[in-house]
Structures are given as C-alpha cells and as structure tokens.
Amino acid sequence: MVKRRVETMEENRRKLIAAARKAFAEKGYAAASMDELTAEAGLTRGALYHNFGDKRGLLAAVVDQIDTEMALRAQEIGARAGDGWQGLLAEGAAYIEMALDPEVQRIVLLDGPAVLGDPSQWPSQSNCLQATRQAIERLIAQGVLKPVDAEAAARLLSGAALNAALWIAASDAPREVLPKAVEAFAALASGLLKPSA
C-alpha cells in the first residue's frame, strides 16, 4: 500500500513537471496558467501544491531537471573531446551553445533567474561546479594546469560559461553572439594552462 502511494506521488510529480515544462517553454512562466497546466497533467491544483508548494516550486523542479540534462549533455560532449583539457573546454562550449535551445533559453536562462534568483545558488549548478572542480583537480595533478585553487578556478570557469549563456539568451542576435562567447571562454580558460617548459 505504501509502495503504491509512493509510486503514485512520483508519477504525479513526473506528470506535473512534464506539463509545466511544456507550458513554461511555450508561454513563459508568468503566462502559464496553473489551471491549464494541472488539467494538461490530468491532476488537481492540490496535487501541484502538495508536490511543489506553489508555481515557483514547480519552476524550480523544471529548471533543475533541464539544467541537470544540460550538464549531462555537456559532460558527454566533453568526454568525447579527447584529453581532460580539451574535454573541459568542449564541456564549457557545449553548455554555452545550449543557450540557443528555445526551451533552455526561456526556462533556465530567462525565467529561472528572474523568478528563482542567482543561478549559482541552484542545486543543479552546485553539482556542475563540483564536477568542474574535480576535473580541474585532475588536470592540476597531471601538470596540465597551473597549481591554482581548484574551487576558485571551477567557480570562475562555471561562472564564465553561465554568464556567456545568459548573454546569448538575452541577445537580439544569439547566433552572432555564440562564436564570440565561445572564443572568449576558451581564451579565459587557457589562462589556467601551465606554460610548457
């Protein structure tokens, strides 16, 4: 009985997140109607409030899901790039490039910060930061990067990628901004490289 109830709650959460993701992407957070959203999910407002507290809590869950997917996609791209250094650059560039995706742009980069506040404080960004810190620690240990503080370097690189993505999302010409942002990100990151002897 308890197991079935937990499964139902999880299913309701999934339905609400899927409906909200669609509504927020199509209409934006402010214009998305909670009544339409819950009807789309086949649930009541009570289910929404029980699972997420309010519309803002639902947005936080949607942002967390998309931002986590973005980080995983960027990590996969980074892993295919070859060595650790090229992987780190590719991962940052991939994250920046995802700002062209209309869903990412509207939900994560425009509505997310406006409603949820500073993205660097989001749990999904914290997870991404830790993965970047670990990659930097490995590269420092391998002698690829200068012996700088790994957390400071991770925060600065993550912040640069996030701010580049925010810039693209807010731009009137995102496709023109993208190559400039990626080039500048690579130039900034390259400052961490240990000079070859």
C-alpha atoms as a PDB file:
ATOM      1  CA  MET A   1       0.000   0.000   0.000  1.00  0.00           C
ATOM      2  CA  VAL A   2       2.753   2.467   0.948  1.00  0.00           C
ATOM      3  CA  LYS A   3       4.787   1.469  -2.114  1.00  0.00           C
ATOM      4  CA  ARG A   4       1.819   2.127  -4.408  1.00  0.00           C
ATOM      5  CA  ARG A   5       1.241   5.530  -2.805  1.00  0.00           C
ATOM      6  CA  VAL A   6       4.884   6.495  -3.325  1.00  0.00           C
ATOM      7  CA  GLU A   7       4.681   5.344  -6.961  1.00  0.00           C
ATOM      8  CA  THR A   8       1.534   7.442  -7.481  1.00  0.00           C
ATOM      9  CA  MET A   9       3.217  10.501  -5.952  1.00  0.00           C
ATOM     10  CA  GLU A  10       6.258  10.040  -8.206  1.00  0.00           C
ATOM     11  CA  GLU A  11       4.015   9.617 -11.245  1.00  0.00           C
ATOM     12  CA  ASN A  12       2.108  12.798 -10.323  1.00  0.00           C
ATOM     13  CA  ARG A  13       5.408  14.690  -9.956  1.00  0.00           C
ATOM     14  CA  ARG A  14       6.536  13.469 -13.386  1.00  0.00           C
ATOM     15  CA  LYS A  15       3.224  14.470 -14.984  1.00  0.00           C
ATOM     16  CA  LEU A  16       3.280  17.924 -13.417  1.00  0.00           C
ATOM     17  CA  ILE A  17       6.912  18.554 -14.362  1.00  0.00           C
ATOM     18  CA  ALA A  18       6.268  17.438 -17.959  1.00  0.00           C
ATOM     19  CA  ALA A  19       3.157  19.648 -18.261  1.00  0.00           C
ATOM     20  CA  ALA A  20       4.945  22.608 -16.656  1.00  0.00           C
ATOM     21  CA  ARG A  21       7.990  22.186 -18.860  1.00  0.00           C
ATOM     22  CA  LYS A  22       5.765  22.346 -21.942  1.00  0.00           C
ATOM     23  CA  ALA A  23       3.734  25.314 -20.650  1.00  0.00           C
ATOM     24  CA  PHE A  24       6.761  27.302 -19.453  1.00  0.00           C
ATOM     25  CA  ALA A  25       8.572  26.725 -22.762  1.00  0.00           C
ATOM     26  CA  GLU A  26       5.581  27.737 -24.871  1.00  0.00           C
ATOM     27  CA  LYS A  27       4.138  30.604 -22.811  1.00  0.00           C
ATOM     28  CA  GLY A  28       6.784  31.570 -20.298  1.00  0.00           C
ATOM     29  CA  TYR A  29       6.485  31.298 -16.537  1.00  0.00           C
ATOM     30  CA  ALA A  30       4.329  34.382 -15.992  1.00  0.00           C
ATOM     31  CA  ALA A  31       1.739  33.499 -18.657  1.00  0.00           C
ATOM     32  CA  ALA A  32       1.499  29.788 -17.812  1.00  0.00           C
ATOM     33  CA  SER A  33      -1.856  29.075 -16.177  1.00  0.00           C
ATOM     34  CA  MET A  34      -1.860  26.687 -13.233  1.00  0.00           C
ATOM     35  CA  ASP A  35      -5.387  25.539 -14.095  1.00  0.00           C
ATOM     36  CA  GLU A  36      -4.402  24.691 -17.688  1.00  0.00           C
ATOM     37  CA  LEU A  37      -1.201  23.059 -16.525  1.00  0.00           C
ATOM     38  CA  THR A  38      -2.888  20.800 -13.977  1.00  0.00           C
ATOM     39  CA  ALA A  39      -5.649  19.946 -16.469  1.00  0.00           C
ATOM     40  CA  GLU A  40      -2.966  19.005 -19.022  1.00  0.00           C
ATOM     41  CA  ALA A  41      -1.432  16.676 -16.421  1.00  0.00           C
ATOM     42  CA  GLY A  42      -4.868  15.288 -15.500  1.00  0.00           C
ATOM     43  CA  LEU A  43      -4.402  16.385 -11.898  1.00  0.00           C
ATOM     44  CA  THR A  44      -5.740  18.985  -9.470  1.00  0.00           C
ATOM     45  CA  ARG A  45      -4.161  22.135  -8.114  1.00  0.00           C
ATOM     46  CA  GLY A  46      -3.996  20.267  -4.813  1.00  0.00           C
ATOM     47  CA  ALA A  47      -1.570  17.782  -6.357  1.00  0.00           C
ATOM     48  CA  LEU A  48       0.592  20.674  -7.549  1.00  0.00           C
ATOM     49  CA  TYR A  49       0.630  22.328  -4.126  1.00  0.00           C
ATOM     50  CA  HIS A  50       1.219  19.011  -2.357  1.00  0.00           C
ATOM     51  CA  ASN A  51       4.224  18.165  -4.543  1.00  0.00           C
ATOM     52  CA  PHE A  52       5.800  21.578  -5.146  1.00  0.00           C
ATOM     53  CA  GLY A  53       4.286  24.067  -2.704  1.00  0.00           C
ATOM     54  CA  ASP A  54       3.428  26.573  -5.425  1.00  0.00           C
ATOM     55  CA  LYS A  55       4.099  27.596  -9.030  1.00  0.00           C
ATOM     56  CA  ARG A  56       7.591  28.833  -8.097  1.00  0.00           C
ATOM     57  CA  GLY A  57       8.430  25.436  -6.571  1.00  0.00           C
ATOM     58  CA  LEU A  58       7.267  23.767  -9.772  1.00  0.00           C
ATOM     59  CA  LEU A  59       9.501  26.082 -11.822  1.00  0.00           C
ATOM     60  CA  ALA A  60      12.444  25.175  -9.563  1.00  0.00           C
ATOM     61  CA  ALA A  61      11.823  21.462 -10.277  1.00  0.00           C
ATOM     62  CA  VAL A  62      11.601  22.086 -14.027  1.00  0.00           C
ATOM     63  CA  VAL A  63      14.763  24.220 -14.031  1.00  0.00           C
ATOM     64  CA  ASP A  64      16.586  21.562 -12.001  1.00  0.00           C
ATOM     65  CA  GLN A  65      15.566  18.865 -14.489  1.00  0.00           C
ATOM     66  CA  ILE A  66      16.606  20.850 -17.583  1.00  0.00           C
ATOM     67  CA  ASP A  67      19.811  22.197 -16.022  1.00  0.00           C
ATOM     68  CA  THR A  68      20.791  18.661 -14.958  1.00  0.00           C
ATOM     69  CA  GLU A  69      20.134  17.415 -18.504  1.00  0.00           C
ATOM     70  CA  MET A  70      22.276  20.268 -19.852  1.00  0.00           C
ATOM     71  CA  ALA A  71      25.162  19.351 -17.547  1.00  0.00           C
ATOM     72  CA  LEU A  72      24.967  15.660 -18.533  1.00  0.00           C
ATOM     73  CA  ARG A  73      24.874  16.548 -22.231  1.00  0.00           C
ATOM     74  CA  ALA A  74      27.870  18.884 -21.803  1.00  0.00           C
ATOM     75  CA  GLN A  75      29.779  16.176 -19.882  1.00  0.00           C
ATOM     76  CA  GLU A  76      29.089  13.637 -22.652  1.00  0.00           C
ATOM     77  CA  ILE A  77      30.390  16.095 -25.260  1.00  0.00           C
ATOM     78  CA  GLY A  78      33.419  16.799 -23.092  1.00  0.00           C
ATOM     79  CA  ALA A  79      34.136  13.078 -22.679  1.00  0.00           C
ATOM     80  CA  ARG A  80      34.204  12.617 -26.466  1.00  0.00           C
ATOM     81  CA  ALA A  81      36.623  15.523 -26.933  1.00  0.00           C
ATOM     82  CA  GLY A  82      39.699  13.514 -26.009  1.00  0.00           C
ATOM     83  CA  ASP A  83      42.021  14.524 -23.203  1.00  0.00           C
ATOM     84  CA  GLY A  84      40.930  16.199 -19.985  1.00  0.00           C
ATOM     85  CA  TRP A  85      41.849  19.717 -21.085  1.00  0.00           C
ATOM     86  CA  GLN A  86      40.045  19.531 -24.437  1.00  0.00           C
ATOM     87  CA  GLY A  87      37.140  17.894 -22.635  1.00  0.00           C
ATOM     88  CA  LEU A  88      36.906  20.763 -20.154  1.00  0.00           C
ATOM     89  CA  LEU A  89      36.867  23.315 -22.984  1.00  0.00           C
ATOM     90  CA  ALA A  90      34.346  21.299 -25.005  1.00  0.00           C
ATOM     91  CA  GLU A  91      32.091  20.934 -21.986  1.00  0.00           C
ATOM     92  CA  GLY A  92      32.063  24.691 -21.378  1.00  0.00           C
ATOM     93  CA  ALA A  93      31.478  25.460 -25.056  1.00  0.00           C
ATOM     94  CA  ALA A  94      28.627  22.915 -25.205  1.00  0.00           C
ATOM     95  CA  TYR A  95      26.942  24.465 -22.177  1.00  0.00           C
ATOM     96  CA  ILE A  96      27.229  27.917 -23.751  1.00  0.00           C
ATOM     97  CA  GLU A  97      25.848  26.654 -27.068  1.00  0.00           C
ATOM     98  CA  MET A  98      22.767  25.187 -25.363  1.00  0.00           C
ATOM     99  CA  ALA A  99      21.647  28.799 -24.836  1.00  0.00           C
ATOM    100  CA  LEU A 100      20.400  28.637 -28.446  1.00  0.00           C
ATOM    101  CA  ASP A 101      17.814  25.984 -27.481  1.00  0.00           C
ATOM    102  CA  PRO A 102      14.471  27.850 -27.087  1.00  0.00           C
ATOM    103  CA  GLU A 103      13.411  25.746 -24.064  1.00  0.00           C
ATOM    104  CA  VAL A 104      16.735  26.286 -22.283  1.00  0.00           C
ATOM    105  CA  GLN A 105      16.714  29.952 -23.189  1.00  0.00           C
ATOM    106  CA  ARG A 106      13.239  30.714 -21.894  1.00  0.00           C
ATOM    107  CA  ILE A 107      13.042  28.455 -18.826  1.00  0.00           C
ATOM    108  CA  VAL A 108      16.598  28.179 -17.483  1.00  0.00           C
ATOM    109  CA  LEU A 109      18.270  31.381 -18.651  1.00  0.00           C
ATOM    110  CA  LEU A 110      15.473  33.963 -18.681  1.00  0.00           C
ATOM    111  CA  ASP A 111      12.603  32.909 -16.381  1.00  0.00           C
ATOM    112  CA  GLY A 112      14.777  30.873 -13.984  1.00  0.00           C
ATOM    113  CA  PRO A 113      16.994  33.729 -12.761  1.00  0.00           C
ATOM    114  CA  ALA A 114      14.087  36.211 -12.809  1.00  0.00           C
ATOM    115  CA  VAL A 115      11.951  34.003 -10.542  1.00  0.00           C
ATOM    116  CA  LEU A 116      14.417  31.817  -8.630  1.00  0.00           C
ATOM    117  CA  GLY A 117      17.299  34.250  -8.230  1.00  0.00           C
ATOM    118  CA  ASP A 118      21.035  33.724  -8.663  1.00  0.00           C
ATOM    119  CA  PRO A 119      21.658  30.575 -10.744  1.00  0.00           C
ATOM    120  CA  SER A 120      24.967  29.934  -8.971  1.00  0.00           C
ATOM    121  CA  GLN A 121      22.883  29.079  -5.882  1.00  0.00           C
ATOM    122  CA  TRP A 122      20.741  26.439  -7.648  1.00  0.00           C
ATOM    123  CA  PRO A 123      21.391  22.804  -6.593  1.00  0.00           C
ATOM    124  CA  SER A 124      21.955  21.743 -10.225  1.00  0.00           C
ATOM    125  CA  GLN A 125      24.620  24.433 -10.666  1.00  0.00           C
ATOM    126  CA  SER A 126      26.286  23.291  -7.445  1.00  0.00           C
ATOM    127  CA  ASN A 127      26.538  19.732  -8.826  1.00  0.00           C
ATOM    128  CA  CYS A 128      28.019  21.078 -12.065  1.00  0.00           C
ATOM    129  CA  LEU A 129      30.516  23.156 -10.097  1.00  0.00           C
ATOM    130  CA  GLN A 130      31.712  20.093  -8.151  1.00  0.00           C
ATOM    131  CA  ALA A 131      32.250  18.110 -11.381  1.00  0.00           C
ATOM    132  CA  THR A 132      34.251  21.017 -12.834  1.00  0.00           C
ATOM    133  CA  ARG A 133      36.318  21.291  -9.630  1.00  0.00           C
ATOM    134  CA  GLN A 134      37.168  17.573  -9.808  1.00  0.00           C
ATOM    135  CA  ALA A 135      38.209  17.890 -13.468  1.00  0.00           C
ATOM    136  CA  ILE A 136      40.431  20.858 -12.597  1.00  0.00           C
ATOM    137  CA  GLU A 137      41.997  18.971  -9.667  1.00  0.00           C
ATOM    138  CA  ARG A 138      42.872  16.094 -12.038  1.00  0.00           C
ATOM    139  CA  LEU A 139      44.391  18.485 -14.583  1.00  0.00           C
ATOM    140  CA  ILE A 140      46.436  20.216 -11.881  1.00  0.00           C
ATOM    141  CA  ALA A 141      47.679  16.825 -10.609  1.00  0.00           C
ATOM    142  CA  GLN A 142      48.633  15.882 -14.194  1.00  0.00           C
ATOM    143  CA  GLY A 143      50.612  19.120 -14.543  1.00  0.00           C
ATOM    144  CA  VAL A 144      48.353  20.460 -17.308  1.00  0.00           C
ATOM    145  CA  LEU A 145      47.060  23.418 -15.300  1.00  0.00           C
ATOM    146  CA  LYS A 146      48.831  25.879 -13.032  1.00  0.00           C
ATOM    147  CA  PRO A 147      48.632  24.974  -9.325  1.00  0.00           C
ATOM    148  CA  VAL A 148      45.776  27.361  -8.564  1.00  0.00           C
ATOM    149  CA  ASP A 149      42.956  26.827  -6.089  1.00  0.00           C
ATOM    150  CA  ALA A 150      40.688  24.293  -7.839  1.00  0.00           C
ATOM    151  CA  GLU A 151      37.462  25.611  -6.318  1.00  0.00           C
ATOM    152  CA  ALA A 152      38.254  29.200  -7.323  1.00  0.00           C
ATOM    153  CA  ALA A 153      39.113  28.103 -10.875  1.00  0.00           C
ATOM    154  CA  ALA A 154      35.948  25.975 -11.092  1.00  0.00           C
ATOM    155  CA  ARG A 155      33.758  28.834  -9.868  1.00  0.00           C
ATOM    156  CA  LEU A 156      35.285  31.256 -12.356  1.00  0.00           C
ATOM    157  CA  LEU A 157      35.020  28.856 -15.310  1.00  0.00           C
ATOM    158  CA  SER A 158      31.460  27.846 -14.404  1.00  0.00           C
ATOM    159  CA  GLY A 159      30.516  31.488 -13.931  1.00  0.00           C
ATOM    160  CA  ALA A 160      32.034  32.415 -17.284  1.00  0.00           C
ATOM    161  CA  ALA A 161      30.087  29.663 -19.083  1.00  0.00           C
ATOM    162  CA  LEU A 162      26.847  30.561 -17.292  1.00  0.00           C
ATOM    163  CA  ASN A 163      27.223  34.284 -17.975  1.00  0.00           C
ATOM    164  CA  ALA A 164      28.034  33.608 -21.621  1.00  0.00           C
ATOM    165  CA  ALA A 165      24.846  31.525 -21.879  1.00  0.00           C
ATOM    166  CA  LEU A 166      22.842  34.285 -20.157  1.00  0.00           C
ATOM    167  CA  TRP A 167      24.298  36.823 -22.605  1.00  0.00           C
ATOM    168  CA  ILE A 168      23.281  34.694 -25.588  1.00  0.00           C
ATOM    169  CA  ALA A 169      19.773  34.113 -24.213  1.00  0.00           C
ATOM    170  CA  ALA A 170      19.194  37.839 -23.692  1.00  0.00           C
ATOM    171  CA  SER A 171      20.729  38.865 -27.026  1.00  0.00           C
ATOM    172  CA  ASP A 172      18.774  40.058 -30.046  1.00  0.00           C
ATOM    173  CA  ALA A 173      21.261  38.138 -32.212  1.00  0.00           C
ATOM    174  CA  PRO A 174      22.140  34.951 -30.267  1.00  0.00           C
ATOM    175  CA  ARG A 175      23.724  33.160 -33.247  1.00  0.00           C
ATOM    176  CA  GLU A 176      26.117  36.083 -33.741  1.00  0.00           C
ATOM    177  CA  VAL A 177      26.986  36.240 -30.036  1.00  0.00           C
ATOM    178  CA  LEU A 178      27.664  32.478 -29.701  1.00  0.00           C
ATOM    179  CA  PRO A 179      31.051  32.277 -31.506  1.00  0.00           C
ATOM    180  CA  LYS A 180      32.289  35.386 -29.690  1.00  0.00           C
ATOM    181  CA  ALA A 181      31.273  33.918 -26.325  1.00  0.00           C
ATOM    182  CA  VAL A 182      32.861  30.514 -27.020  1.00  0.00           C
ATOM    183  CA  GLU A 183      36.098  32.103 -28.264  1.00  0.00           C
ATOM    184  CA  ALA A 184      36.374  34.368 -25.219  1.00  0.00           C
ATOM    185  CA  PHE A 185      35.560  31.458 -22.871  1.00  0.00           C
ATOM    186  CA  ALA A 186      38.402  29.387 -24.406  1.00  0.00           C
ATOM    187  CA  ALA A 187      40.799  32.338 -24.137  1.00  0.00           C
ATOM    188  CA  LEU A 188      39.921  32.870 -20.464  1.00  0.00           C
ATOM    189  CA  ALA A 189      40.210  29.173 -19.646  1.00  0.00           C
ATOM    190  CA  SER A 190      43.568  28.952 -21.437  1.00  0.00           C
ATOM    191  CA  GLY A 191      44.999  31.311 -18.837  1.00  0.00           C
ATOM    192  CA  LEU A 192      44.910  28.336 -16.438  1.00  0.00           C
ATOM    193  CA  LEU A 193      47.243  26.261 -18.615  1.00  0.00           C
ATOM    194  CA  LYS A 194      50.698  25.620 -17.205  1.00  0.00           C
ATOM    195  CA  PRO A 195      53.308  27.028 -19.597  1.00  0.00           C
ATOM    196  CA  SER A 196      55.203  24.240 -21.349  1.00  0.00           C
ATOM    197  CA  ALA A 197      58.857  24.076 -20.356  1.00  0.00           C
END
